[in-house]
Amino acid sequence: MDSKALALRCRELADDKKAENLVILDLRKLPGVTDYMVIGSGTSEPHLRAVVEEVELKLKRDEGLCPLAVDGTWHSGWVVLDYVDVMVHVMKPDVREHYDLEGLWNDAPRVRVTARKAAVKKVPAKKATPRATKKKAA
């Protein structure tokens, strides 16, 4: 999986757990340590945990990818998953606003993501049941 596909997959998994304000920054043409940065917000410690675990566990299960490092804690309000070419930052909104990674990397173009179509469940049609007939009184 190339780095852009990995960044898109990380964003998709974070979105599955309702991470907010998801952004992918393309850092390939800027001096730095990674190709892409995925940034998203979680509204609470349990939400941060859910988003981070979704990304980490699904990438391990589906792609055989484990992060090189996981830094931060739920309590700090900022957790980073380091996949070398892709860094995933999940933060509480106040922490995100304070550190302003998007502003720090404002020279980096944002990767446009098309909206996913909601999965449509196919439900088999119900079979018509015959109406009950009344028995004639004897």
N, C-alpha and C. Protein backbone atom coordinates (compact mmCIF):
# COMPACT_ATOMS: atom_id res chain seq x y z
N MET A 1 0.86 -1.17 0.00
CA MET A 1 0.00 0.00 0.00
C MET A 1 0.90 1.23 0.00
N ASP A 2 0.67 2.15 -0.94
CA ASP A 2 1.49 3.36 -0.98
C ASP A 2 1.03 4.33 0.12
N SER A 3 1.84 5.36 0.35
CA SER A 3 1.58 6.26 1.48
C SER A 3 0.27 7.03 1.34
N LYS A 4 -0.11 7.42 0.13
CA LYS A 4 -1.38 8.14 -0.03
C LYS A 4 -2.55 7.22 0.27
N ALA A 5 -2.50 5.99 -0.23
CA ALA A 5 -3.57 5.03 0.05
C ALA A 5 -3.66 4.75 1.54
N LEU A 6 -2.52 4.68 2.22
CA LEU A 6 -2.52 4.46 3.66
C LEU A 6 -3.16 5.64 4.39
N ALA A 7 -2.82 6.86 3.97
CA ALA A 7 -3.41 8.05 4.59
C ALA A 7 -4.92 8.06 4.40
N LEU A 8 -5.37 7.74 3.20
CA LEU A 8 -6.81 7.70 2.93
C LEU A 8 -7.49 6.62 3.76
N ARG A 9 -6.84 5.47 3.91
CA ARG A 9 -7.41 4.39 4.72
C ARG A 9 -7.49 4.80 6.19
N CYS A 10 -6.46 5.45 6.70
CA CYS A 10 -6.47 5.93 8.09
C CYS A 10 -7.62 6.91 8.30
N ARG A 11 -7.81 7.81 7.34
CA ARG A 11 -8.89 8.77 7.45
C ARG A 11 -10.24 8.06 7.44
N GLU A 12 -10.39 7.09 6.56
CA GLU A 12 -11.64 6.33 6.47
C GLU A 12 -11.95 5.61 7.78
N LEU A 13 -10.94 4.99 8.38
CA LEU A 13 -11.14 4.28 9.64
C LEU A 13 -11.49 5.24 10.77
N ALA A 14 -10.83 6.39 10.81
CA ALA A 14 -11.14 7.40 11.82
C ALA A 14 -12.57 7.91 11.63
N ASP A 15 -12.96 8.08 10.38
CA ASP A 15 -14.32 8.53 10.08
C ASP A 15 -15.35 7.49 10.51
N ASP A 16 -15.00 6.21 10.41
CA ASP A 16 -15.91 5.15 10.85
C ASP A 16 -16.27 5.29 12.32
N LYS A 17 -15.35 5.86 13.11
CA LYS A 17 -15.61 6.08 14.54
C LYS A 17 -15.98 7.53 14.84
N LYS A 18 -16.43 8.22 13.81
CA LYS A 18 -16.97 9.58 13.94
C LYS A 18 -15.95 10.62 14.41
N ALA A 19 -14.68 10.44 14.04
CA ALA A 19 -13.70 11.50 14.31
C ALA A 19 -14.17 12.75 13.57
N GLU A 20 -13.92 13.90 14.17
CA GLU A 20 -14.42 15.15 13.61
C GLU A 20 -13.32 15.92 12.89
N ASN A 21 -13.75 16.74 11.93
CA ASN A 21 -12.85 17.67 11.21
C ASN A 21 -11.60 16.97 10.69
N LEU A 22 -11.79 15.88 10.00
CA LEU A 22 -10.66 15.11 9.48
C LEU A 22 -9.98 15.83 8.31
N VAL A 23 -8.66 15.86 8.36
CA VAL A 23 -7.85 16.54 7.36
C VAL A 23 -6.65 15.64 7.03
N ILE A 24 -6.28 15.61 5.76
CA ILE A 24 -5.04 14.96 5.35
C ILE A 24 -4.15 16.02 4.73
N LEU A 25 -2.95 16.18 5.28
CA LEU A 25 -1.97 17.13 4.73
C LEU A 25 -0.93 16.36 3.94
N ASP A 26 -0.62 16.85 2.75
CA ASP A 26 0.39 16.25 1.88
C ASP A 26 1.71 16.96 2.14
N LEU A 27 2.63 16.29 2.83
CA LEU A 27 3.90 16.90 3.22
C LEU A 27 5.07 16.45 2.35
N ARG A 28 4.80 15.75 1.27
CA ARG A 28 5.88 15.17 0.46
C ARG A 28 6.85 16.21 -0.10
N LYS A 29 6.38 17.39 -0.42
CA LYS A 29 7.27 18.39 -1.01
C LYS A 29 7.87 19.33 0.02
N LEU A 30 7.60 19.06 1.29
CA LEU A 30 8.13 19.89 2.37
C LEU A 30 9.16 19.09 3.16
N PRO A 31 10.17 19.77 3.69
CA PRO A 31 11.13 19.03 4.51
C PRO A 31 10.43 18.54 5.78
N GLY A 32 10.58 17.29 6.07
CA GLY A 32 9.92 16.74 7.24
C GLY A 32 10.19 15.27 7.39
N VAL A 33 9.44 14.66 8.25
CA VAL A 33 9.71 13.27 8.58
C VAL A 33 8.67 12.30 8.04
N THR A 34 7.66 12.80 7.35
CA THR A 34 6.59 11.93 6.87
C THR A 34 6.03 12.45 5.55
N ASP A 35 5.31 11.60 4.86
CA ASP A 35 4.68 12.02 3.59
C ASP A 35 3.32 12.65 3.80
N TYR A 36 2.53 12.06 4.70
CA TYR A 36 1.17 12.53 4.94
C TYR A 36 0.90 12.61 6.43
N MET A 37 0.07 13.57 6.79
CA MET A 37 -0.38 13.71 8.17
C MET A 37 -1.90 13.71 8.16
N VAL A 38 -2.47 12.79 8.92
CA VAL A 38 -3.92 12.71 9.08
C VAL A 38 -4.23 13.30 10.45
N ILE A 39 -5.12 14.28 10.48
CA ILE A 39 -5.46 14.96 11.74
C ILE A 39 -6.96 14.88 11.93
N GLY A 40 -7.36 14.50 13.14
CA GLY A 40 -8.78 14.44 13.45
C GLY A 40 -9.01 14.72 14.92
N SER A 41 -10.25 15.01 15.27
CA SER A 41 -10.59 15.32 16.66
C SER A 41 -11.52 14.27 17.24
N GLY A 42 -11.31 14.02 18.53
CA GLY A 42 -12.21 13.18 19.31
C GLY A 42 -12.76 14.03 20.44
N THR A 43 -14.03 13.88 20.74
CA THR A 43 -14.69 14.79 21.67
C THR A 43 -14.44 14.47 23.14
N SER A 44 -13.93 13.28 23.44
CA SER A 44 -13.70 12.88 24.83
C SER A 44 -12.60 11.83 24.86
N GLU A 45 -12.15 11.46 26.06
CA GLU A 45 -11.14 10.41 26.16
C GLU A 45 -11.63 9.09 25.57
N PRO A 46 -12.86 8.64 25.88
CA PRO A 46 -13.33 7.39 25.26
C PRO A 46 -13.42 7.50 23.73
N HIS A 47 -13.78 8.67 23.24
CA HIS A 47 -13.85 8.86 21.79
C HIS A 47 -12.46 8.80 21.17
N LEU A 48 -11.48 9.45 21.80
CA LEU A 48 -10.09 9.37 21.32
C LEU A 48 -9.64 7.91 21.25
N ARG A 49 -9.91 7.19 22.32
CA ARG A 49 -9.51 5.78 22.39
C ARG A 49 -10.16 4.98 21.26
N ALA A 50 -11.45 5.20 21.04
CA ALA A 50 -12.17 4.46 20.01
C ALA A 50 -11.60 4.73 18.62
N VAL A 51 -11.29 5.98 18.34
CA VAL A 51 -10.75 6.34 17.03
C VAL A 51 -9.37 5.72 16.83
N VAL A 52 -8.50 5.89 17.82
CA VAL A 52 -7.14 5.36 17.73
C VAL A 52 -7.15 3.84 17.61
N GLU A 53 -7.96 3.18 18.43
CA GLU A 53 -8.02 1.71 18.38
C GLU A 53 -8.57 1.22 17.05
N GLU A 54 -9.54 1.93 16.50
CA GLU A 54 -10.10 1.53 15.20
C GLU A 54 -9.01 1.56 14.12
N VAL A 55 -8.27 2.64 14.07
CA VAL A 55 -7.21 2.76 13.06
C VAL A 55 -6.15 1.69 13.29
N GLU A 56 -5.67 1.59 14.52
CA GLU A 56 -4.58 0.66 14.82
C GLU A 56 -4.98 -0.80 14.60
N LEU A 57 -6.12 -1.20 15.12
CA LEU A 57 -6.53 -2.60 15.04
C LEU A 57 -6.92 -3.02 13.63
N LYS A 58 -7.64 -2.16 12.91
CA LYS A 58 -8.06 -2.53 11.56
C LYS A 58 -6.87 -2.57 10.59
N LEU A 59 -5.91 -1.66 10.73
CA LEU A 59 -4.74 -1.72 9.86
C LEU A 59 -3.92 -2.96 10.14
N LYS A 60 -3.85 -3.35 11.41
CA LYS A 60 -3.12 -4.57 11.75
C LYS A 60 -3.83 -5.80 11.19
N ARG A 61 -5.15 -5.85 11.38
CA ARG A 61 -5.93 -7.00 10.92
C ARG A 61 -6.00 -7.09 9.40
N ASP A 62 -6.31 -5.97 8.75
CA ASP A 62 -6.57 -5.98 7.31
C ASP A 62 -5.31 -5.87 6.45
N GLU A 63 -4.33 -5.12 6.92
CA GLU A 63 -3.15 -4.84 6.10
C GLU A 63 -1.85 -5.40 6.68
N GLY A 64 -1.92 -5.91 7.92
CA GLY A 64 -0.71 -6.41 8.57
C GLY A 64 0.24 -5.29 8.97
N LEU A 65 -0.28 -4.07 9.14
CA LEU A 65 0.54 -2.90 9.48
C LEU A 65 0.41 -2.55 10.95
N CYS A 66 1.54 -2.40 11.61
CA CYS A 66 1.57 -1.93 12.99
C CYS A 66 2.32 -0.60 13.01
N PRO A 67 1.91 0.31 13.88
CA PRO A 67 2.64 1.58 13.94
C PRO A 67 4.04 1.37 14.48
N LEU A 68 4.98 2.15 13.97
CA LEU A 68 6.35 2.11 14.49
C LEU A 68 6.34 2.57 15.94
N ALA A 69 5.49 3.54 16.24
CA ALA A 69 5.37 4.07 17.60
C ALA A 69 3.97 4.62 17.81
N VAL A 70 3.54 4.59 19.07
CA VAL A 70 2.30 5.24 19.49
C VAL A 70 2.71 6.17 20.62
N ASP A 71 2.39 7.44 20.47
CA ASP A 71 2.81 8.42 21.46
C ASP A 71 1.60 9.18 21.96
N GLY A 72 1.67 9.63 23.21
CA GLY A 72 0.58 10.38 23.81
C GLY A 72 -0.33 9.46 24.60
N THR A 73 -1.28 10.07 25.29
CA THR A 73 -2.22 9.31 26.11
C THR A 73 -3.61 9.88 25.92
N TRP A 74 -4.60 9.08 26.30
CA TRP A 74 -5.98 9.56 26.24
C TRP A 74 -6.12 10.77 27.16
N HIS A 75 -5.43 10.71 28.32
CA HIS A 75 -5.55 11.79 29.31
C HIS A 75 -4.96 13.10 28.82
N SER A 76 -3.92 13.02 27.99
CA SER A 76 -3.30 14.25 27.48
C SER A 76 -4.15 14.90 26.40
N GLY A 77 -5.07 14.12 25.82
CA GLY A 77 -5.91 14.66 24.76
C GLY A 77 -5.27 14.64 23.39
N TRP A 78 -4.14 13.91 23.24
CA TRP A 78 -3.46 13.85 21.95
C TRP A 78 -2.73 12.52 21.83
N VAL A 79 -3.09 11.74 20.83
CA VAL A 79 -2.42 10.46 20.57
C VAL A 79 -1.94 10.47 19.12
N VAL A 80 -0.71 9.99 18.91
CA VAL A 80 -0.12 9.95 17.58
C VAL A 80 0.23 8.50 17.23
N LEU A 81 -0.20 8.07 16.05
CA LEU A 81 0.20 6.78 15.50
C LEU A 81 1.21 7.06 14.39
N ASP A 82 2.39 6.48 14.50
CA ASP A 82 3.46 6.72 13.54
C ASP A 82 3.61 5.51 12.62
N TYR A 83 3.15 5.67 11.38
CA TYR A 83 3.30 4.63 10.36
C TYR A 83 4.42 5.00 9.37
N VAL A 84 5.39 5.76 9.83
CA VAL A 84 6.55 6.24 9.09
C VAL A 84 6.14 7.22 7.98
N ASP A 85 5.53 6.73 6.90
CA ASP A 85 5.13 7.62 5.81
C ASP A 85 3.82 8.35 6.10
N VAL A 86 3.11 7.91 7.12
CA VAL A 86 1.85 8.53 7.52
C VAL A 86 1.83 8.65 9.04
N MET A 87 1.52 9.86 9.51
CA MET A 87 1.35 10.09 10.95
C MET A 87 -0.12 10.43 11.18
N VAL A 88 -0.72 9.76 12.14
CA VAL A 88 -2.13 9.98 12.46
C VAL A 88 -2.19 10.68 13.82
N HIS A 89 -2.75 11.88 13.85
CA HIS A 89 -2.90 12.65 15.08
C HIS A 89 -4.38 12.71 15.43
N VAL A 90 -4.73 12.24 16.62
CA VAL A 90 -6.11 12.32 17.10
C VAL A 90 -6.07 13.14 18.38
N MET A 91 -6.81 14.26 18.39
CA MET A 91 -6.73 15.21 19.49
C MET A 91 -8.10 15.67 19.94
N LYS A 92 -8.17 16.09 21.19
CA LYS A 92 -9.37 16.79 21.64
C LYS A 92 -9.37 18.16 20.95
N PRO A 93 -10.54 18.73 20.71
CA PRO A 93 -10.60 20.00 19.98
C PRO A 93 -9.77 21.13 20.61
N ASP A 94 -9.75 21.24 21.94
CA ASP A 94 -8.99 22.32 22.56
C ASP A 94 -7.48 22.12 22.37
N VAL A 95 -7.03 20.88 22.42
CA VAL A 95 -5.61 20.59 22.20
C VAL A 95 -5.26 20.87 20.74
N ARG A 96 -6.13 20.48 19.85
CA ARG A 96 -5.90 20.72 18.42
C ARG A 96 -5.81 22.21 18.13
N GLU A 97 -6.70 22.97 18.71
CA GLU A 97 -6.68 24.42 18.50
C GLU A 97 -5.41 25.03 19.06
N HIS A 98 -4.99 24.57 20.24
CA HIS A 98 -3.80 25.12 20.89
C HIS A 98 -2.53 24.87 20.06
N TYR A 99 -2.34 23.64 19.58
CA TYR A 99 -1.12 23.30 18.85
C TYR A 99 -1.20 23.63 17.37
N ASP A 100 -2.37 23.75 16.82
CA ASP A 100 -2.61 24.23 15.46
C ASP A 100 -1.65 23.63 14.42
N LEU A 101 -1.68 22.30 14.31
CA LEU A 101 -0.82 21.64 13.33
C LEU A 101 -1.11 22.09 11.90
N GLU A 102 -2.38 22.33 11.60
CA GLU A 102 -2.73 22.80 10.26
C GLU A 102 -2.07 24.15 9.97
N GLY A 103 -2.01 25.02 10.97
CA GLY A 103 -1.34 26.31 10.81
C GLY A 103 0.17 26.16 10.70
N LEU A 104 0.72 25.25 11.49
CA LEU A 104 2.16 25.00 11.47
C LEU A 104 2.60 24.49 10.10
N TRP A 105 1.77 23.65 9.49
CA TRP A 105 2.06 23.07 8.19
C TRP A 105 1.16 23.70 7.11
N ASN A 106 0.95 25.02 7.19
CA ASN A 106 0.02 25.67 6.26
C ASN A 106 0.51 25.68 4.81
N ASP A 107 1.78 25.37 4.58
CA ASP A 107 2.30 25.27 3.21
C ASP A 107 1.92 23.94 2.56
N ALA A 108 1.47 23.01 3.36
CA ALA A 108 1.13 21.68 2.84
C ALA A 108 -0.26 21.69 2.23
N PRO A 109 -0.38 21.20 1.00
CA PRO A 109 -1.72 21.10 0.42
C PRO A 109 -2.55 20.04 1.13
N ARG A 110 -3.85 20.27 1.15
CA ARG A 110 -4.76 19.28 1.73
C ARG A 110 -5.19 18.30 0.65
N VAL A 111 -5.29 17.06 1.04
CA VAL A 111 -5.75 16.02 0.12
C VAL A 111 -7.26 16.07 0.09
N ARG A 112 -7.81 16.18 -1.10
CA ARG A 112 -9.27 16.21 -1.25
C ARG A 112 -9.79 14.78 -1.15
N VAL A 113 -10.85 14.65 -0.39
CA VAL A 113 -11.46 13.33 -0.19
C VAL A 113 -12.90 13.41 -0.63
N THR A 114 -13.29 12.49 -1.49
CA THR A 114 -14.69 12.45 -1.91
C THR A 114 -15.50 11.75 -0.84
N ALA A 115 -16.71 12.22 -0.67
CA ALA A 115 -17.58 11.64 0.36
C ALA A 115 -17.90 10.20 0.01
N ARG A 116 -17.87 9.36 1.04
CA ARG A 116 -18.22 7.96 0.85
C ARG A 116 -19.72 7.82 0.83
N LYS A 117 -20.19 6.91 0.02
CA LYS A 117 -21.61 6.61 0.02
C LYS A 117 -21.90 5.69 1.20
N ALA A 118 -23.00 5.95 1.86
CA ALA A 118 -23.37 5.10 2.98
C ALA A 118 -23.69 3.71 2.46
N ALA A 119 -23.27 2.74 3.22
CA ALA A 119 -23.54 1.36 2.83
C ALA A 119 -25.04 1.11 2.88
N VAL A 120 -25.54 0.51 1.84
CA VAL A 120 -26.97 0.24 1.77
C VAL A 120 -27.17 -1.24 2.05
N LYS A 121 -27.95 -1.52 3.06
CA LYS A 121 -28.25 -2.91 3.39
C LYS A 121 -29.42 -3.37 2.54
N LYS A 122 -29.24 -4.50 1.92
CA LYS A 122 -30.34 -5.07 1.15
C LYS A 122 -31.14 -5.96 2.08
N VAL A 123 -32.40 -5.62 2.22
CA VAL A 123 -33.29 -6.38 3.07
C VAL A 123 -34.26 -7.12 2.17
N PRO A 124 -34.34 -8.43 2.34
CA PRO A 124 -35.26 -9.17 1.48
C PRO A 124 -36.69 -8.72 1.72
N ALA A 125 -37.45 -8.68 0.64
CA ALA A 125 -38.85 -8.28 0.75
C ALA A 125 -39.62 -9.33 1.54
N LYS A 126 -40.55 -8.84 2.32
CA LYS A 126 -41.39 -9.77 3.09
C LYS A 126 -42.38 -10.44 2.15
N LYS A 127 -42.59 -11.71 2.40
CA LYS A 127 -43.58 -12.43 1.61
C LYS A 127 -44.96 -12.12 2.16
N ALA A 128 -45.88 -11.98 1.25
CA ALA A 128 -47.25 -11.72 1.68
C ALA A 128 -47.79 -12.97 2.37
N THR A 129 -48.45 -12.74 3.46
CA THR A 129 -49.06 -13.88 4.17
C THR A 129 -50.53 -13.93 3.79
N PRO A 130 -51.04 -15.13 3.59
CA PRO A 130 -52.46 -15.22 3.22
C PRO A 130 -53.32 -14.77 4.39
N ARG A 131 -54.40 -14.11 4.04
CA ARG A 131 -55.32 -13.64 5.08
C ARG A 131 -56.01 -14.83 5.72
N ALA A 132 -56.19 -14.73 6.98
CA ALA A 132 -56.90 -15.80 7.69
C ALA A 132 -58.37 -15.75 7.29
N THR A 133 -58.92 -16.88 7.03
CA THR A 133 -60.34 -16.93 6.67
C THR A 133 -61.14 -17.33 7.90
N LYS A 134 -62.28 -16.73 8.01
CA LYS A 134 -63.14 -17.05 9.16
C LYS A 134 -63.85 -18.36 8.90
N LYS A 135 -63.91 -19.16 9.96
CA LYS A 135 -64.65 -20.41 9.86
C LYS A 135 -66.13 -20.11 10.01
N LYS A 136 -66.90 -20.84 9.27
CA LYS A 136 -68.34 -20.66 9.37
C LYS A 136 -68.82 -21.32 10.65
N ALA A 137 -69.70 -20.63 11.32
CA ALA A 137 -70.25 -21.18 12.56
C ALA A 137 -71.15 -22.36 12.22
N ALA A 138 -71.05 -23.41 13.00
CA ALA A 138 -71.86 -24.60 12.72
C ALA A 138 -73.15 -24.58 13.44
